[in-house]
Protein backbone atom coordinates (compact mmCIF):
# COMPACT_ATOMS: atom_id res chain seq x y z
CA MET A 1 -50.09 -64.11 5.97
CA ILE A 2 -48.58 -61.91 3.28
CA VAL A 3 -45.27 -60.15 4.21
CA ASP A 4 -44.29 -57.30 1.98
CA LEU A 5 -40.61 -57.02 2.85
CA PRO A 6 -39.45 -55.48 -0.62
CA GLU A 7 -41.84 -52.46 -0.09
CA ARG A 8 -40.66 -52.04 3.55
CA THR A 9 -36.94 -52.20 2.44
CA THR A 10 -37.55 -49.83 -0.38
CA GLY A 11 -39.35 -47.32 1.96
CA SER A 12 -36.51 -47.65 4.46
CA ARG A 13 -33.85 -46.97 1.76
CA VAL A 14 -35.85 -43.88 0.55
CA ARG A 15 -36.02 -42.46 4.12
CA ARG A 16 -32.29 -42.94 4.58
CA THR A 17 -31.47 -41.29 1.16
CA VAL A 18 -33.67 -38.24 1.91
CA ASP A 19 -32.17 -38.07 5.39
CA ALA A 20 -28.57 -38.18 4.05
CA LEU A 21 -29.52 -35.53 1.40
CA CYS A 22 -31.16 -33.31 4.01
CA TRP A 23 -28.06 -33.42 6.17
CA LEU A 24 -25.78 -32.86 3.03
CA ALA A 25 -27.90 -29.80 2.43
CA VAL A 26 -27.53 -28.43 5.90
CA ALA A 27 -23.93 -29.30 6.82
CA PRO A 28 -22.09 -26.81 4.66
CA GLY A 29 -23.80 -23.72 6.06
CA ALA A 30 -23.35 -24.99 9.52
CA VAL A 31 -19.55 -25.59 8.91
CA TRP A 32 -19.29 -22.06 7.51
CA ALA A 33 -21.04 -20.45 10.38
CA ALA A 34 -18.87 -22.38 12.76
CA LEU A 35 -15.60 -21.12 11.00
CA ARG A 36 -17.03 -17.41 10.76
CA LEU A 37 -18.02 -17.19 14.48
CA ALA A 38 -14.73 -18.84 15.53
CA GLY A 39 -12.73 -16.45 13.41
CA VAL A 40 -10.97 -19.25 11.60
CA ASP A 41 -9.63 -17.20 8.65
CA ARG A 42 -6.53 -19.15 7.50
CA GLY A 43 -5.25 -20.17 4.18
CA PRO A 44 -7.93 -20.49 1.48
CA LEU A 45 -10.67 -19.68 4.12
CA VAL A 46 -9.57 -16.01 4.03
CA GLN A 47 -10.80 -15.67 0.41
CA ALA A 48 -13.96 -17.90 1.04
CA LEU A 49 -15.16 -15.91 4.20
CA ALA A 50 -15.36 -12.67 2.15
CA PHE A 51 -18.54 -14.12 0.70
CA THR A 52 -20.28 -14.76 4.03
CA PRO A 53 -23.12 -12.46 3.24
CA TYR A 54 -24.00 -14.55 0.16
CA VAL A 55 -24.09 -17.73 2.34
CA ALA A 56 -26.19 -15.92 4.88
CA ALA A 57 -28.71 -15.04 2.17
CA TRP A 58 -28.62 -18.69 0.95
CA SER A 59 -28.94 -20.21 4.62
CA ALA A 60 -32.65 -20.04 4.71
CA LEU A 61 -33.07 -22.48 1.94
CA PRO A 62 -31.73 -25.63 3.74
CA LEU A 63 -34.17 -24.68 6.53
CA VAL A 64 -37.04 -24.62 4.20
CA LEU A 65 -35.98 -28.01 2.74
CA ALA A 66 -35.66 -29.66 6.14
CA LEU A 67 -39.08 -28.37 7.29
CA ALA A 68 -40.73 -29.35 4.06
CA LEU A 69 -39.23 -32.92 4.49
CA ARG A 70 -40.05 -33.05 8.24
CA ARG A 71 -36.61 -33.75 9.22
CA ARG A 72 -36.53 -32.44 12.74
CA TRP A 73 -32.80 -32.41 13.66
CA PRO A 74 -31.66 -31.16 10.32
CA ALA A 75 -34.28 -28.37 10.62
CA VAL A 76 -32.80 -27.39 14.09
CA LEU A 77 -29.18 -27.19 12.88
CA ALA A 78 -30.39 -25.30 9.79
CA ALA A 79 -32.21 -22.79 11.97
CA VAL A 80 -29.35 -22.20 14.31
CA THR A 81 -27.13 -21.70 11.20
CA ALA A 82 -29.35 -19.27 9.68
CA VAL A 83 -29.71 -17.23 12.77
CA ALA A 84 -26.06 -17.27 13.40
CA LEU A 85 -25.21 -16.12 9.79
CA VAL A 86 -27.97 -13.66 9.49
CA GLY A 87 -27.08 -12.26 13.02
CA VAL A 88 -23.66 -11.36 11.98
CA VAL A 89 -24.49 -9.99 8.55
CA ALA A 90 -27.96 -8.25 8.75
CA PRO A 91 -26.81 -5.36 11.15
CA ARG A 92 -24.61 -4.00 8.31
CA ALA A 93 -27.78 -3.00 6.62
CA LEU A 94 -29.21 -1.09 9.70
CA ASP A 95 -28.30 2.40 11.00
CA SER A 96 -26.70 2.40 14.36
CA PRO A 97 -26.65 5.21 16.96
CA GLN A 98 -24.23 7.88 16.47
CA PRO A 99 -22.29 10.29 18.99
CA ARG A 100 -24.02 13.59 19.35
CA VAL A 101 -21.45 16.01 18.08
CA THR A 102 -21.48 19.56 17.11
CA GLY A 103 -18.27 20.09 15.06
CA PRO A 104 -17.91 20.60 11.32
CA THR A 105 -18.93 18.15 8.65
CA VAL A 106 -16.06 16.53 6.60
CA ARG A 107 -16.51 14.65 3.29
CA LEU A 108 -14.01 12.00 2.91
CA LEU A 109 -13.47 9.93 -0.29
CA THR A 110 -11.23 6.98 -0.78
CA ALA A 111 -10.38 5.30 -4.15
CA ASN A 112 -8.11 2.48 -5.30
CA LEU A 113 -6.81 3.68 -8.60
CA LEU A 114 -5.55 0.28 -9.98
CA ALA A 115 -1.90 1.08 -10.56
CA GLY A 116 -2.95 4.50 -12.02
CA ALA A 117 -5.43 3.17 -14.45
CA ALA A 118 -8.55 4.79 -13.03
CA ASP A 119 -10.14 7.72 -15.13
CA PRO A 120 -8.47 10.88 -13.59
CA ALA A 121 -11.17 13.14 -14.97
CA VAL A 122 -14.07 11.22 -13.39
CA LEU A 123 -12.09 11.28 -10.19
CA VAL A 124 -11.70 14.97 -10.17
CA ASP A 125 -15.35 15.44 -11.09
CA LEU A 126 -16.31 13.27 -8.14
CA VAL A 127 -14.11 15.51 -5.81
CA ARG A 128 -15.75 18.66 -7.38
CA ARG A 129 -19.39 17.50 -7.52
CA HIS A 130 -19.39 16.13 -3.98
CA HIS A 131 -17.52 18.80 -2.52
CA VAL A 132 -14.89 16.44 -1.09
CA ASP A 133 -12.64 17.73 1.78
CA VAL A 134 -10.27 14.79 2.07
CA LEU A 135 -9.26 12.46 -0.61
CA VAL A 136 -7.09 9.19 -0.02
CA VAL A 137 -5.90 7.14 -2.84
CA GLN A 138 -4.13 3.74 -3.16
CA GLU A 139 -2.07 2.24 -6.14
CA PHE A 140 -1.10 5.86 -6.80
CA THR A 141 1.41 6.38 -9.58
CA PRO A 142 3.53 9.49 -10.88
CA GLY A 143 1.36 9.44 -14.04
CA ALA A 144 -1.86 9.59 -11.93
CA LEU A 145 -0.38 12.48 -9.86
CA ALA A 146 0.37 14.47 -13.10
CA ASP A 147 -3.04 13.74 -14.63
CA LEU A 148 -5.02 14.65 -11.55
CA ASP A 149 -2.97 17.99 -11.17
CA ARG A 150 -3.45 18.83 -14.79
CA LEU A 151 -7.26 18.46 -14.30
CA GLY A 152 -7.21 20.82 -11.39
CA LEU A 153 -7.16 18.63 -8.30
CA ASP A 154 -4.32 20.82 -6.92
CA GLN A 155 -6.74 23.75 -6.89
CA LEU A 156 -9.61 21.78 -5.23
CA LEU A 157 -7.40 20.11 -2.70
CA PRO A 158 -4.27 22.02 -2.42
CA HIS A 159 -2.73 20.33 0.74
CA ARG A 160 -1.17 16.95 0.34
CA GLN A 161 0.91 14.22 1.44
CA LEU A 162 1.81 12.03 -1.61
CA ASN A 163 3.83 9.03 -2.26
CA PRO A 164 3.42 8.08 -5.96
CA LEU A 165 5.16 4.92 -7.22
CA VAL A 166 5.05 2.93 -10.47
CA GLY A 167 2.82 -0.06 -10.06
CA THR A 168 0.50 -0.74 -7.06
CA PRO A 169 2.61 0.38 -3.83
CA GLY A 170 1.89 4.11 -4.15
CA SER A 171 -0.38 6.03 -1.75
CA GLY A 172 -1.69 9.57 -1.37
CA LEU A 173 -3.49 12.00 0.69
CA TYR A 174 -5.16 15.31 -0.58
CA ALA A 175 -7.01 17.81 1.72
CA ARG A 176 -8.81 20.97 1.53
CA PHE A 177 -7.33 22.08 4.82
CA PRO A 178 -3.80 22.44 6.02
CA VAL A 179 -1.89 19.16 6.98
CA SER A 180 1.07 18.67 9.27
CA GLU A 181 3.05 15.75 10.61
CA PRO A 182 3.03 13.99 7.20
CA GLY A 183 4.59 10.51 6.56
CA VAL A 184 4.45 7.17 4.71
CA ARG A 185 4.07 3.81 6.33
CA GLN A 186 5.95 1.05 4.54
CA HIS A 187 4.49 -2.57 4.79
CA ARG A 188 6.80 -5.41 4.55
CA GLY A 189 4.50 -7.66 2.52
CA ALA A 190 5.50 -9.09 -0.89
CA TRP A 191 3.72 -5.97 -2.69
CA GLY A 192 5.29 -3.43 -0.27
CA PHE A 193 2.10 -1.31 -0.15
CA THR A 194 2.55 2.22 1.34
CA GLN A 195 0.22 4.24 3.30
CA ALA A 196 0.42 8.13 3.26
CA TYR A 197 -0.67 9.83 6.35
CA ALA A 198 -0.96 13.39 7.89
CA THR A 199 -2.79 15.38 10.41
CA VAL A 200 -5.57 17.48 9.03
CA ALA A 201 -6.54 20.80 10.64
CA VAL A 202 -10.31 21.18 10.06
CA PRO A 203 -11.47 24.48 11.29
CA GLY A 204 -13.72 24.19 14.30
CA ALA A 205 -12.46 20.79 15.19
CA PRO A 206 -9.61 18.81 16.89
CA PRO A 207 -6.79 17.75 14.70
CA VAL A 208 -7.52 14.55 12.87
CA ARG A 209 -4.85 12.05 11.80
CA VAL A 210 -5.98 10.49 8.46
CA GLU A 211 -4.25 7.55 6.75
CA SER A 212 -4.77 5.90 3.41
CA ALA A 213 -4.99 2.23 4.30
CA HIS A 214 -3.72 -0.52 2.02
CA PRO A 215 -2.66 -3.83 3.59
CA ALA A 216 -1.72 -6.81 1.38
CA ALA A 217 -4.17 -8.68 -0.59
CA PRO A 218 -4.65 -12.36 0.21
CA TYR A 219 -5.02 -13.34 -3.30
CA ALA A 220 -3.25 -16.66 -2.91
CA VAL A 221 -2.43 -18.88 0.21
CA ASP A 222 1.06 -17.79 0.42
CA GLN A 223 0.04 -14.15 0.75
CA VAL A 224 -2.18 -14.71 3.76
CA ASP A 225 0.60 -14.18 6.38
CA PHE A 226 1.47 -10.94 4.73
CA TRP A 227 -2.12 -9.96 4.81
CA ARG A 228 -2.46 -10.71 8.42
CA ALA A 229 0.79 -9.01 9.36
CA ASP A 230 -0.25 -5.80 7.54
CA LEU A 231 -3.55 -5.64 9.09
CA ALA A 232 -2.05 -6.12 12.48
CA ALA A 233 0.34 -3.21 11.75
CA GLN A 234 -2.41 -0.72 11.23
CA PRO A 235 -2.48 2.17 13.63
CA PRO A 236 -5.06 1.38 16.34
CA ALA A 237 -7.66 3.85 17.44
CA THR A 238 -6.74 6.17 20.29
CA PRO A 239 -9.94 6.62 22.26
CA ASP A 240 -8.31 8.82 24.68
CA GLY A 241 -5.99 10.67 22.40
CA PRO A 242 -5.97 12.31 18.86
CA LEU A 243 -8.82 11.56 16.54
CA ARG A 244 -8.06 8.99 13.83
CA ILE A 245 -9.51 8.05 10.53
CA LEU A 246 -8.23 5.10 8.58
CA ALA A 247 -9.66 4.71 4.91
CA GLY A 248 -8.84 2.77 1.89
CA ASP A 249 -8.67 -0.76 0.39
CA PHE A 250 -8.32 -3.04 3.40
CA ASN A 251 -8.42 -6.28 1.37
CA ALA A 252 -10.61 -7.45 4.19
CA THR A 253 -14.40 -7.60 4.99
CA LEU A 254 -16.24 -7.41 8.36
CA ASP A 255 -16.17 -11.27 8.15
CA HIS A 256 -12.42 -11.30 8.69
CA SER A 257 -11.22 -11.48 12.32
CA PRO A 258 -8.02 -9.17 11.80
CA LEU A 259 -10.37 -6.35 10.64
CA ARG A 260 -12.70 -6.96 13.45
CA ALA A 261 -9.79 -6.74 15.97
CA LEU A 262 -8.80 -3.35 14.53
CA LEU A 263 -12.44 -2.21 15.05
CA ARG A 264 -12.31 -3.20 18.69
CA THR A 265 -9.33 -0.86 19.27
CA GLY A 266 -11.99 2.05 19.09
CA TYR A 267 -12.94 2.37 15.37
CA VAL A 268 -16.36 2.26 13.69
CA ASP A 269 -16.92 1.24 10.09
CA ALA A 270 -18.74 4.15 8.53
CA ALA A 271 -20.76 2.10 6.05
CA ASP A 272 -21.64 -0.34 8.68
CA ALA A 273 -22.96 2.39 11.01
CA THR A 274 -25.06 4.03 8.16
CA GLY A 275 -26.63 0.87 7.02
CA GLN A 276 -24.45 0.51 3.90
CA GLY A 277 -22.11 -2.21 5.11
CA LEU A 278 -23.36 -4.71 2.57
CA VAL A 279 -22.80 -2.58 -0.58
CA GLY A 280 -20.03 -4.22 -2.62
CA THR A 281 -16.76 -2.14 -3.40
CA TRP A 282 -14.78 -4.70 -5.27
CA GLY A 283 -15.62 -7.52 -7.62
CA PRO A 284 -16.81 -7.49 -11.24
CA TYR A 285 -16.08 -3.82 -12.12
CA ASP A 286 -13.20 -4.69 -14.29
CA GLY A 287 -15.09 -7.62 -15.99
CA ASP A 288 -14.16 -10.46 -13.68
CA PRO A 289 -17.11 -12.58 -12.83
CA ILE A 290 -16.68 -12.32 -9.14
CA PRO A 291 -19.61 -11.42 -6.78
CA PRO A 292 -19.02 -8.00 -5.21
CA VAL A 293 -17.59 -7.88 -1.74
CA THR A 294 -16.91 -5.00 0.60
CA ILE A 295 -13.21 -4.58 1.12
CA ASP A 296 -12.93 -0.67 0.91
CA HIS A 297 -13.76 0.96 4.28
CA VAL A 298 -13.76 4.28 6.17
CA LEU A 299 -12.91 3.44 9.83
CA VAL A 300 -13.59 6.36 12.13
CA ASP A 301 -12.89 7.22 15.79
CA ARG A 302 -15.92 6.41 17.89
CA ARG A 303 -16.14 10.11 18.76
CA ILE A 304 -16.80 11.06 15.08
CA ALA A 305 -20.39 10.60 13.88
CA ALA A 306 -20.84 8.75 10.40
CA GLN A 307 -23.81 10.65 8.71
CA GLU A 308 -23.81 9.07 5.25
CA VAL A 309 -21.91 6.63 3.04
CA GLU A 310 -22.23 6.30 -0.64
CA VAL A 311 -20.43 3.85 -2.96
CA LEU A 312 -19.75 5.64 -6.28
CA HIS A 313 -18.45 4.53 -9.70
CA LEU A 314 -14.89 5.11 -11.12
CA PRO A 315 -14.15 3.68 -14.50
CA GLY A 316 -10.75 1.97 -15.11
CA THR A 317 -10.40 0.36 -11.70
CA ASP A 318 -11.85 -2.76 -10.21
CA HIS A 319 -12.79 -0.92 -7.01
CA ARG A 320 -15.62 1.53 -6.38
CA PRO A 321 -14.72 4.75 -4.35
CA VAL A 322 -16.35 5.28 -0.98
CA LEU A 323 -17.65 8.45 0.01
CA ALA A 324 -18.25 9.14 3.69
CA THR A 325 -20.01 12.18 5.26
CA LEU A 326 -18.63 12.56 8.78
CA ARG A 327 -19.27 15.10 11.55
CA LEU A 328 -16.32 15.77 13.88
CA PRO A 329 -16.60 16.83 17.57
CA ALA A 330 -16.06 20.22 18.56
CA PRO A 331 -12.80 21.15 20.28
């Protein structure tokens, strides 16, 4: 009788190694999905979760590997992971039903000017070419104000509520239509970002409160509490009251629970509603090798129909402007 123990031992060792490698390939995505679904965005996880769409796109690979290697339980976990991640991300690329409204159409543009470094001529050209009715800006400086007026923005959008400041805290709102009840919200975060707001009187529609949103950026762990507090301080929607639009640099994606909580008050993300929710608005536009993420948003009252969203290009800033075409309800 011949007993081939070395071959059996080697085969068993290979199987264990393949099993371990398979689990190692599947586990990271499963952990990521669990954190995303549980809304565990704390500390360094805040930055990481912004890249959830990329993890969702990658999630099919571990499943293919597990199936190819005929590893049942890793394949089951990989399938659940892929379904979970794709399930929360894919709807952003699909249109969703909009309210049937008969009021006027408004074109709103939001742009982060990177401490006033964005090209003012291009911004004014965007306003002119796209027939923008309302413009909200962040990181708005006195220099940017002077340049924009010199280039004719004061003629295109004569009504305004502006808070230009040196550096990054400044904010502004320009409108084609008269504004009332203007003001400035001051955040308590380390950067002290401000948010200009006003009620815009669009002919043929109820008054709309528009605000230029700019909560703190979670660029480091010690800034996460400021980020969370600033998002919590955003004005909630008022489904039974006046119409509201929040537009700007939220420093958050739809994979961050504080932004989702704000949406649950009665807002709709216009890009998400029009199938443009996966188009990046911040990332490599100033040269940094960072995959684009979607942190600039136009949040509208659920009674407002989001008809179209386009992400544009503005030299001189690390953000891309977001243009939303919105239809308001009739009075």
